[in-house]
Amino acid sequence: MNLVVKIAAGILLAGLVVGVGRVIVVTVAANQAQKQIQSIGEDLRRKQLARVRQTNAEKAKKLRQAQLQKELEEAQRKLAWKKEQAFFKYYAEPEDCLNYESDAHMVECVNSKMRARGEFNAKWVANQIPY
C-alpha cells in the first residue's frame, strides 16, 4: 500500500508541477500580451497626438493666411482710396466741363479727364505724386 501511496503522491506532485507550470506559462504569455497591447496603445496615442498636432498646425496656418489676406485686402483698399483722393487733388476739372454743351463737348471733357487719369497713373507709379 505504501507503494500505491507513493505512486499516487508522485502523480499528484507531477500534476501539481504541470499545473503550476501551466499557470506560469499562461501568466508569462498574458504579461507579454499585455505589454504588446500597451505598446500598441501607446503607438496609437502617439500617432493620434501627432495627427491632432498636425491638424491644429494646419488650422493655425489657414487662420494666419486668412488674417494676412484680410490685412492685404484692407491695405489695398486704403491705397486705392488714397490714390483716388490724390487724383481728386491732382485733377481740376475745367469749368467749361461742368455743363456739357453738346455730345462732342462731353466726349472732349471725358477724353481730357481720361488723359489726365493716365498721366496721373504714370506719375503715381513713378512715385511722383506728392500727396
Foldseek 3Di string as FASTA:
>chain_A
DVVVVVVVVVVVVVVVVVVVVVVVVVVVVVVVVVVVVVVVVVVVVVVVVVVVVVVVVVVVVVVVVVVVVVVVVVVVVVVVVVLVVLLVVVDDQDPCQVDAPDPVSVVVSVVVSVVSVVVSVVCVVVVNRPD
